[in-house]
Amino acid sequence: MSHRLEGKKAIVTGASRGIGRGIAEKFAEEGAIVGVNYHKSEEKAEEVLKKVKRESEGMLLEGDVSKENEVEEMIEDFVSEFRGIDILVNNAGVYIRKDLEETEIEEYDKTMAVNTRGPFMLRKYCLQHLKDSRAGKIINITSQLAFRGSTHGTAYVTSKTALIGLTRALALELGPEGITVNALAPGTIDTDIIAGYSEEKRKKRAEKIPVKRIGQPEDIANAAVFLASEEGSYVTGDIMGVNGGSALH
């Protein structure tokens, strides 16, 4: 292992499962100290922390990223323990599979609060620490649906499209501070979102992807390590598609 993130201090939101878990565990393998954020799945978050601690240091960070007081407390707890933040990964998200007519206003508000307002607040409370790092990295997890749209996730698509705008605006704003801001736009990844797919449906989905397979959380984690490391230091404002070529259709 190259330990490309040796000693770096990273917070990964929504890290108890799926893509967030993959990133948290990969960061630890690369030598990073990891704050494992979760909202409800404490048992799963503890499993992630155990894996993190086999490779590096870390701590659990309980908190709803849509609640300002919880975000502020989460950042304070991490900084109190590890004295800084070098990397912020905004992964926590809500995906309500409903079209416009079915979606309640409360569901739309919840989706925007977690998927877009949350990353904005986290950036706000991490900002000074990222500046102090002198090589801060922000990585937002958006979606290929932000480009392609969807007939069953209007609020989700809206929130992920807004996150792309936030990524680009912050890249311009924070570049002079030595902070890079990028986003990863995953395609179909083997997480809870597709857990209910039948084997037949999974095969059909894979056949539509040029590389002929559904992505794994590790695929996203590998891209996140690149952006978080010195190797990605000249990349900012970019929306990197990690989708096996499915965005080409």
C-alpha atoms as a PDB file:
ATOM      1  CA  MET A   1       0.000   0.000   0.000  1.00  0.00           C
ATOM      2  CA  SER A   2       1.376   3.412  -1.004  1.00  0.00           C
ATOM      3  CA  HIS A   3      -0.157   5.331   1.932  1.00  0.00           C
ATOM      4  CA  ARG A   4      -0.963   8.322  -0.257  1.00  0.00           C
ATOM      5  CA  LEU A   5      -3.001   9.913   2.542  1.00  0.00           C
ATOM      6  CA  GLU A   6      -0.575   9.260   5.392  1.00  0.00           C
ATOM      7  CA  GLY A   7      -1.501  11.394   8.422  1.00  0.00           C
ATOM      8  CA  LYS A   8      -4.262  13.275   6.616  1.00  0.00           C
ATOM      9  CA  LYS A   9      -7.384  13.947   8.660  1.00  0.00           C
ATOM     10  CA  ALA A  10     -10.614  13.172   6.833  1.00  0.00           C
ATOM     11  CA  ILE A  11     -14.327  13.339   7.582  1.00  0.00           C
ATOM     12  CA  VAL A  12     -16.593  11.118   5.498  1.00  0.00           C
ATOM     13  CA  THR A  13     -20.337  11.660   5.877  1.00  0.00           C
ATOM     14  CA  GLY A  14     -22.789   8.824   5.466  1.00  0.00           C
ATOM     15  CA  ALA A  15     -19.930   6.405   6.103  1.00  0.00           C
ATOM     16  CA  SER A  16     -21.832   3.538   7.718  1.00  0.00           C
ATOM     17  CA  ARG A  17     -22.613   1.815   4.416  1.00  0.00           C
ATOM     18  CA  GLY A  18     -22.272   1.812   0.653  1.00  0.00           C
ATOM     19  CA  ILE A  19     -20.054   4.370  -1.031  1.00  0.00           C
ATOM     20  CA  GLY A  20     -19.286   6.225   2.213  1.00  0.00           C
ATOM     21  CA  ARG A  21     -18.122   3.029   3.873  1.00  0.00           C
ATOM     22  CA  GLY A  22     -15.955   2.171   0.889  1.00  0.00           C
ATOM     23  CA  ILE A  23     -14.309   5.596   0.979  1.00  0.00           C
ATOM     24  CA  ALA A  24     -13.753   5.571   4.750  1.00  0.00           C
ATOM     25  CA  GLU A  25     -12.119   2.143   4.680  1.00  0.00           C
ATOM     26  CA  LYS A  26      -9.983   2.951   1.625  1.00  0.00           C
ATOM     27  CA  PHE A  27      -8.823   6.236   3.142  1.00  0.00           C
ATOM     28  CA  ALA A  28      -7.703   4.370   6.265  1.00  0.00           C
ATOM     29  CA  GLU A  29      -5.802   1.849   4.127  1.00  0.00           C
ATOM     30  CA  GLU A  30      -4.011   4.821   2.583  1.00  0.00           C
ATOM     31  CA  GLY A  31      -3.023   6.119   6.022  1.00  0.00           C
ATOM     32  CA  ALA A  32      -5.712   8.735   6.705  1.00  0.00           C
ATOM     33  CA  ILE A  33      -7.279   9.399  10.086  1.00  0.00           C
ATOM     34  CA  VAL A  34     -11.019   9.035   9.474  1.00  0.00           C
ATOM     35  CA  GLY A  35     -14.108  10.524  11.071  1.00  0.00           C
ATOM     36  CA  VAL A  36     -16.917   8.045  10.349  1.00  0.00           C
ATOM     37  CA  ASN A  37     -20.165   9.989  10.241  1.00  0.00           C
ATOM     38  CA  TYR A  38     -23.505   8.252  10.584  1.00  0.00           C
ATOM     39  CA  HIS A  39     -27.044   9.278  11.453  1.00  0.00           C
ATOM     40  CA  LYS A  40     -28.990   6.179  12.481  1.00  0.00           C
ATOM     41  CA  SER A  41     -26.918   3.069  11.708  1.00  0.00           C
ATOM     42  CA  GLU A  42     -24.645   3.031  14.758  1.00  0.00           C
ATOM     43  CA  GLU A  43     -23.954  -0.708  14.640  1.00  0.00           C
ATOM     44  CA  LYS A  44     -22.869  -0.552  11.000  1.00  0.00           C
ATOM     45  CA  ALA A  45     -20.788   2.561  11.697  1.00  0.00           C
ATOM     46  CA  GLU A  46     -18.995   0.710  14.491  1.00  0.00           C
ATOM     47  CA  GLU A  47     -18.133  -2.065  12.020  1.00  0.00           C
ATOM     48  CA  VAL A  48     -16.593   0.525   9.705  1.00  0.00           C
ATOM     49  CA  LEU A  49     -14.634   2.097  12.563  1.00  0.00           C
ATOM     50  CA  LYS A  50     -13.196  -1.288  13.509  1.00  0.00           C
ATOM     51  CA  LYS A  51     -11.883  -1.692   9.968  1.00  0.00           C
ATOM     52  CA  VAL A  52     -10.557   1.859   9.953  1.00  0.00           C
ATOM     53  CA  LYS A  53      -8.654   1.257  13.195  1.00  0.00           C
ATOM     54  CA  ARG A  54      -6.958  -1.834  11.785  1.00  0.00           C
ATOM     55  CA  GLU A  55      -5.118   0.491   9.425  1.00  0.00           C
ATOM     56  CA  SER A  56      -5.100   3.926  11.060  1.00  0.00           C
ATOM     57  CA  GLU A  57      -6.942   6.073  13.611  1.00  0.00           C
ATOM     58  CA  GLY A  58     -10.541   7.236  13.600  1.00  0.00           C
ATOM     59  CA  MET A  59     -13.679   8.044  15.522  1.00  0.00           C
ATOM     60  CA  LEU A  60     -17.446   7.860  15.176  1.00  0.00           C
ATOM     61  CA  LEU A  61     -19.268  11.101  14.411  1.00  0.00           C
ATOM     62  CA  GLU A  62     -22.987  10.792  15.031  1.00  0.00           C
ATOM     63  CA  GLY A  63     -24.990  13.531  13.377  1.00  0.00           C
ATOM     64  CA  ASP A  64     -27.692  14.499  10.923  1.00  0.00           C
ATOM     65  CA  VAL A  65     -25.937  16.588   8.259  1.00  0.00           C
ATOM     66  CA  SER A  66     -29.141  18.556   7.641  1.00  0.00           C
ATOM     67  CA  LYS A  67     -29.072  19.944  11.233  1.00  0.00           C
ATOM     68  CA  GLU A  68     -26.722  22.877  11.742  1.00  0.00           C
ATOM     69  CA  ASN A  69     -26.142  22.320  15.455  1.00  0.00           C
ATOM     70  CA  GLU A  70     -25.267  18.657  14.844  1.00  0.00           C
ATOM     71  CA  VAL A  71     -22.882  19.536  12.029  1.00  0.00           C
ATOM     72  CA  GLU A  72     -21.122  22.111  14.204  1.00  0.00           C
ATOM     73  CA  GLU A  73     -20.827  19.678  17.112  1.00  0.00           C
ATOM     74  CA  MET A  74     -19.536  16.918  14.845  1.00  0.00           C
ATOM     75  CA  ILE A  75     -16.762  19.135  13.473  1.00  0.00           C
ATOM     76  CA  GLU A  76     -15.820  20.354  16.947  1.00  0.00           C
ATOM     77  CA  ASP A  77     -15.572  16.788  18.256  1.00  0.00           C
ATOM     78  CA  PHE A  78     -13.299  15.685  15.414  1.00  0.00           C
ATOM     79  CA  VAL A  79     -11.024  18.715  15.642  1.00  0.00           C
ATOM     80  CA  SER A  80     -10.827  18.404  19.412  1.00  0.00           C
ATOM     81  CA  GLU A  81      -9.592  14.826  19.022  1.00  0.00           C
ATOM     82  CA  PHE A  82      -7.320  15.148  15.989  1.00  0.00           C
ATOM     83  CA  ARG A  83      -6.433  18.854  15.749  1.00  0.00           C
ATOM     84  CA  GLY A  84      -7.498  19.664  12.228  1.00  0.00           C
ATOM     85  CA  ILE A  85      -9.221  18.640   9.001  1.00  0.00           C
ATOM     86  CA  ASP A  86      -7.540  18.097   5.655  1.00  0.00           C
ATOM     87  CA  ILE A  87     -10.257  16.288   3.682  1.00  0.00           C
ATOM     88  CA  LEU A  88     -14.049  16.546   3.658  1.00  0.00           C
ATOM     89  CA  VAL A  89     -16.117  14.006   1.751  1.00  0.00           C
ATOM     90  CA  ASN A  90     -19.797  14.927   1.442  1.00  0.00           C
ATOM     91  CA  ASN A  91     -21.407  11.562   0.777  1.00  0.00           C
ATOM     92  CA  ALA A  92     -24.501  11.419   3.013  1.00  0.00           C
ATOM     93  CA  GLY A  93     -27.611  11.426   0.872  1.00  0.00           C
ATOM     94  CA  VAL A  94     -31.325  10.758   0.591  1.00  0.00           C
ATOM     95  CA  TYR A  95     -32.890   9.151  -2.484  1.00  0.00           C
ATOM     96  CA  ILE A  96     -36.696   9.097  -2.548  1.00  0.00           C
ATOM     97  CA  ARG A  97     -37.831   7.185  -5.640  1.00  0.00           C
ATOM     98  CA  LYS A  98     -40.836   9.268  -6.638  1.00  0.00           C
ATOM     99  CA  ASP A  99     -41.763  11.427  -9.597  1.00  0.00           C
ATOM    100  CA  LEU A 100     -42.906  15.041  -9.280  1.00  0.00           C
ATOM    101  CA  GLU A 101     -46.596  14.231  -8.832  1.00  0.00           C
ATOM    102  CA  GLU A 102     -45.938  11.706  -6.068  1.00  0.00           C
ATOM    103  CA  THR A 103     -43.335  13.717  -4.156  1.00  0.00           C
ATOM    104  CA  GLU A 104     -44.542  15.586  -1.094  1.00  0.00           C
ATOM    105  CA  ILE A 105     -43.094  19.017  -0.353  1.00  0.00           C
ATOM    106  CA  GLU A 106     -41.734  17.667   2.931  1.00  0.00           C
ATOM    107  CA  GLU A 107     -39.880  14.933   1.029  1.00  0.00           C
ATOM    108  CA  TYR A 108     -38.414  17.474  -1.362  1.00  0.00           C
ATOM    109  CA  ASP A 109     -37.295  19.655   1.548  1.00  0.00           C
ATOM    110  CA  LYS A 110     -35.694  16.680   3.312  1.00  0.00           C
ATOM    111  CA  THR A 111     -33.822  15.659   0.163  1.00  0.00           C
ATOM    112  CA  MET A 112     -32.473  19.152  -0.436  1.00  0.00           C
ATOM    113  CA  ALA A 113     -31.578  19.571   3.246  1.00  0.00           C
ATOM    114  CA  VAL A 114     -29.448  16.431   3.341  1.00  0.00           C
ATOM    115  CA  ASN A 115     -28.042  16.354  -0.196  1.00  0.00           C
ATOM    116  CA  THR A 116     -27.310  20.052  -0.763  1.00  0.00           C
ATOM    117  CA  ARG A 117     -27.724  22.113   2.412  1.00  0.00           C
ATOM    118  CA  GLY A 118     -25.701  19.552   4.384  1.00  0.00           C
ATOM    119  CA  PRO A 119     -22.578  19.849   2.214  1.00  0.00           C
ATOM    120  CA  PHE A 120     -22.898  23.639   2.309  1.00  0.00           C
ATOM    121  CA  MET A 121     -22.982  23.677   6.120  1.00  0.00           C
ATOM    122  CA  LEU A 122     -20.163  21.168   6.439  1.00  0.00           C
ATOM    123  CA  ARG A 123     -18.019  23.294   4.175  1.00  0.00           C
ATOM    124  CA  LYS A 124     -18.841  26.327   6.297  1.00  0.00           C
ATOM    125  CA  TYR A 125     -17.804  24.733   9.587  1.00  0.00           C
ATOM    126  CA  CYS A 126     -14.761  22.962   8.108  1.00  0.00           C
ATOM    127  CA  LEU A 127     -13.510  25.945   6.150  1.00  0.00           C
ATOM    128  CA  GLN A 128     -11.001  27.428   8.573  1.00  0.00           C
ATOM    129  CA  HIS A 129      -9.531  24.009   9.281  1.00  0.00           C
ATOM    130  CA  LEU A 130      -9.227  23.289   5.554  1.00  0.00           C
ATOM    131  CA  LYS A 131      -7.500  26.638   5.100  1.00  0.00           C
ATOM    132  CA  ASP A 132      -5.108  25.846   7.945  1.00  0.00           C
ATOM    133  CA  SER A 133      -4.302  22.563   6.224  1.00  0.00           C
ATOM    134  CA  ARG A 134      -2.823  24.533   3.285  1.00  0.00           C
ATOM    135  CA  ALA A 135      -3.830  21.663   1.022  1.00  0.00           C
ATOM    136  CA  GLY A 136      -7.486  21.107   1.859  1.00  0.00           C
ATOM    137  CA  LYS A 137      -9.670  18.827  -0.252  1.00  0.00           C
ATOM    138  CA  ILE A 138     -13.454  18.786  -0.593  1.00  0.00           C
ATOM    139  CA  ILE A 139     -15.068  15.906  -2.474  1.00  0.00           C
ATOM    140  CA  ASN A 140     -18.804  15.927  -3.107  1.00  0.00           C
ATOM    141  CA  ILE A 141     -20.660  12.790  -4.156  1.00  0.00           C
ATOM    142  CA  THR A 142     -23.212  13.690  -6.799  1.00  0.00           C
ATOM    143  CA  SER A 143     -24.719  11.337  -9.422  1.00  0.00           C
ATOM    144  CA  GLN A 144     -24.779  10.690 -13.153  1.00  0.00           C
ATOM    145  CA  LEU A 145     -28.521  11.338 -12.862  1.00  0.00           C
ATOM    146  CA  ALA A 146     -27.658  15.014 -12.419  1.00  0.00           C
ATOM    147  CA  PHE A 147     -26.751  14.930 -16.126  1.00  0.00           C
ATOM    148  CA  ARG A 148     -29.201  12.327 -17.410  1.00  0.00           C
ATOM    149  CA  GLY A 149     -32.291  13.023 -15.327  1.00  0.00           C
ATOM    150  CA  SER A 150     -34.675  10.392 -13.989  1.00  0.00           C
ATOM    151  CA  THR A 151     -38.379   9.642 -14.115  1.00  0.00           C
ATOM    152  CA  HIS A 152     -38.452   8.377 -10.543  1.00  0.00           C
ATOM    153  CA  GLY A 153     -36.315  10.734  -8.491  1.00  0.00           C
ATOM    154  CA  THR A 154     -37.156  14.356  -9.246  1.00  0.00           C
ATOM    155  CA  ALA A 155     -36.074  15.735  -5.866  1.00  0.00           C
ATOM    156  CA  TYR A 156     -32.904  13.639  -5.871  1.00  0.00           C
ATOM    157  CA  VAL A 157     -31.882  14.786  -9.354  1.00  0.00           C
ATOM    158  CA  THR A 158     -32.535  18.405  -8.393  1.00  0.00           C
ATOM    159  CA  SER A 159     -30.400  18.115  -5.262  1.00  0.00           C
ATOM    160  CA  LYS A 160     -27.501  16.420  -7.035  1.00  0.00           C
ATOM    161  CA  THR A 161     -27.561  18.986  -9.849  1.00  0.00           C
ATOM    162  CA  ALA A 162     -27.400  21.760  -7.242  1.00  0.00           C
ATOM    163  CA  LEU A 163     -24.415  20.006  -5.665  1.00  0.00           C
ATOM    164  CA  ILE A 164     -22.561  20.276  -8.972  1.00  0.00           C
ATOM    165  CA  GLY A 165     -23.192  24.028  -8.940  1.00  0.00           C
ATOM    166  CA  LEU A 166     -21.912  24.233  -5.369  1.00  0.00           C
ATOM    167  CA  THR A 167     -18.802  22.277  -6.340  1.00  0.00           C
ATOM    168  CA  ARG A 168     -17.920  24.608  -9.192  1.00  0.00           C
ATOM    169  CA  ALA A 169     -18.649  27.789  -7.245  1.00  0.00           C
ATOM    170  CA  LEU A 170     -16.531  26.667  -4.296  1.00  0.00           C
ATOM    171  CA  ALA A 171     -13.679  25.608  -6.578  1.00  0.00           C
ATOM    172  CA  LEU A 172     -13.470  29.183  -7.830  1.00  0.00           C
ATOM    173  CA  GLU A 173     -13.904  30.682  -4.378  1.00  0.00           C
ATOM    174  CA  LEU A 174     -11.490  28.437  -2.486  1.00  0.00           C
ATOM    175  CA  GLY A 175      -8.804  27.814  -5.084  1.00  0.00           C
ATOM    176  CA  PRO A 176      -6.773  30.844  -3.935  1.00  0.00           C
ATOM    177  CA  GLU A 177      -6.864  29.373  -0.412  1.00  0.00           C
ATOM    178  CA  GLY A 178      -5.148  26.206  -1.626  1.00  0.00           C
ATOM    179  CA  ILE A 179      -8.341  24.147  -1.350  1.00  0.00           C
ATOM    180  CA  THR A 180      -9.501  21.955  -4.218  1.00  0.00           C
ATOM    181  CA  VAL A 181     -13.183  21.127  -4.647  1.00  0.00           C
ATOM    182  CA  ASN A 182     -14.350  18.307  -6.885  1.00  0.00           C
ATOM    183  CA  ALA A 183     -17.275  15.933  -7.265  1.00  0.00           C
ATOM    184  CA  LEU A 184     -17.649  12.293  -8.164  1.00  0.00           C
ATOM    185  CA  ALA A 185     -20.692  11.303 -10.222  1.00  0.00           C
ATOM    186  CA  PRO A 186     -21.235   7.559  -9.738  1.00  0.00           C
ATOM    187  CA  GLY A 187     -23.208   5.423 -12.130  1.00  0.00           C
ATOM    188  CA  THR A 188     -24.916   2.213 -11.012  1.00  0.00           C
ATOM    189  CA  ILE A 189     -23.086   1.085  -7.881  1.00  0.00           C
ATOM    190  CA  ASP A 190     -23.732  -2.047  -5.837  1.00  0.00           C
ATOM    191  CA  THR A 191     -25.218  -0.393  -2.748  1.00  0.00           C
ATOM    192  CA  ASP A 192     -28.533  -0.382  -0.899  1.00  0.00           C
ATOM    193  CA  ILE A 193     -30.086   1.606  -3.752  1.00  0.00           C
ATOM    194  CA  ILE A 194     -30.128  -1.486  -5.956  1.00  0.00           C
ATOM    195  CA  ALA A 195     -30.318  -4.076  -3.182  1.00  0.00           C
ATOM    196  CA  GLY A 196     -33.858  -4.978  -4.208  1.00  0.00           C
ATOM    197  CA  TYR A 197     -32.960  -5.741  -7.808  1.00  0.00           C
ATOM    198  CA  SER A 198     -33.510  -9.313  -8.962  1.00  0.00           C
ATOM    199  CA  GLU A 199     -30.571 -11.191 -10.465  1.00  0.00           C
ATOM    200  CA  GLU A 200     -32.182 -10.826 -13.876  1.00  0.00           C
ATOM    201  CA  LYS A 201     -32.543  -7.067 -13.474  1.00  0.00           C
ATOM    202  CA  ARG A 202     -28.936  -6.768 -12.324  1.00  0.00           C
ATOM    203  CA  LYS A 203     -27.766  -8.658 -15.423  1.00  0.00           C
ATOM    204  CA  LYS A 204     -29.827  -6.435 -17.701  1.00  0.00           C
ATOM    205  CA  ARG A 205     -28.467  -3.320 -16.035  1.00  0.00           C
ATOM    206  CA  ALA A 206     -24.884  -4.570 -16.365  1.00  0.00           C
ATOM    207  CA  GLU A 207     -25.397  -5.310 -20.057  1.00  0.00           C
ATOM    208  CA  LYS A 208     -26.290  -1.662 -20.669  1.00  0.00           C
ATOM    209  CA  ILE A 209     -22.963  -0.523 -19.184  1.00  0.00           C
ATOM    210  CA  PRO A 210     -20.044  -0.467 -21.667  1.00  0.00           C
ATOM    211  CA  VAL A 211     -17.667  -2.262 -19.266  1.00  0.00           C
ATOM    212  CA  LYS A 212     -20.418  -4.871 -18.662  1.00  0.00           C
ATOM    213  CA  ARG A 213     -20.490  -4.759 -14.886  1.00  0.00           C
ATOM    214  CA  ILE A 214     -22.160  -2.896 -12.047  1.00  0.00           C
ATOM    215  CA  GLY A 215     -19.755  -0.710 -10.114  1.00  0.00           C
ATOM    216  CA  GLN A 216     -18.546  -1.389  -6.593  1.00  0.00           C
ATOM    217  CA  PRO A 217     -18.037   1.117  -3.754  1.00  0.00           C
ATOM    218  CA  GLU A 218     -14.303   0.492  -4.165  1.00  0.00           C
ATOM    219  CA  ASP A 219     -14.487   2.010  -7.655  1.00  0.00           C
ATOM    220  CA  ILE A 220     -15.681   5.287  -6.166  1.00  0.00           C
ATOM    221  CA  ALA A 221     -13.239   5.032  -3.265  1.00  0.00           C
ATOM    222  CA  ASN A 222     -10.271   4.693  -5.626  1.00  0.00           C
ATOM    223  CA  ALA A 223     -11.277   7.869  -7.444  1.00  0.00           C
ATOM    224  CA  ALA A 224     -11.771   9.658  -4.113  1.00  0.00           C
ATOM    225  CA  VAL A 225      -8.261   8.720  -2.999  1.00  0.00           C
ATOM    226  CA  PHE A 226      -6.834  10.238  -6.182  1.00  0.00           C
ATOM    227  CA  LEU A 227      -8.681  13.517  -5.640  1.00  0.00           C
ATOM    228  CA  ALA A 228      -7.762  13.604  -1.943  1.00  0.00           C
ATOM    229  CA  SER A 229      -4.077  12.907  -2.531  1.00  0.00           C
ATOM    230  CA  GLU A 230      -1.228  15.029  -3.816  1.00  0.00           C
ATOM    231  CA  GLU A 231      -1.699  13.325  -7.188  1.00  0.00           C
ATOM    232  CA  GLY A 232      -4.979  15.212  -7.614  1.00  0.00           C
ATOM    233  CA  SER A 233      -3.700  18.582  -6.445  1.00  0.00           C
ATOM    234  CA  TYR A 234      -4.092  20.246  -9.868  1.00  0.00           C
ATOM    235  CA  VAL A 235      -7.669  19.053 -10.338  1.00  0.00           C
ATOM    236  CA  THR A 236     -10.434  21.333  -9.088  1.00  0.00           C
ATOM    237  CA  GLY A 237     -13.969  22.192 -10.147  1.00  0.00           C
ATOM    238  CA  ASP A 238     -14.171  18.860 -11.940  1.00  0.00           C
ATOM    239  CA  ILE A 239     -17.132  16.478 -11.985  1.00  0.00           C
ATOM    240  CA  MET A 240     -15.568  13.058 -12.478  1.00  0.00           C
ATOM    241  CA  GLY A 241     -17.854  10.380 -13.851  1.00  0.00           C
ATOM    242  CA  VAL A 242     -17.219   6.950 -12.326  1.00  0.00           C
ATOM    243  CA  ASN A 243     -19.790   4.954 -14.242  1.00  0.00           C
ATOM    244  CA  GLY A 244     -18.199   2.335 -16.466  1.00  0.00           C
ATOM    245  CA  GLY A 245     -19.077   4.431 -19.500  1.00  0.00           C
ATOM    246  CA  SER A 246     -22.835   4.371 -18.911  1.00  0.00           C
ATOM    247  CA  ALA A 247     -23.022   8.166 -19.231  1.00  0.00           C
ATOM    248  CA  LEU A 248     -22.050   7.763 -22.904  1.00  0.00           C
ATOM    249  CA  HIS A 249     -25.497   6.447 -23.825  1.00  0.00           C
END
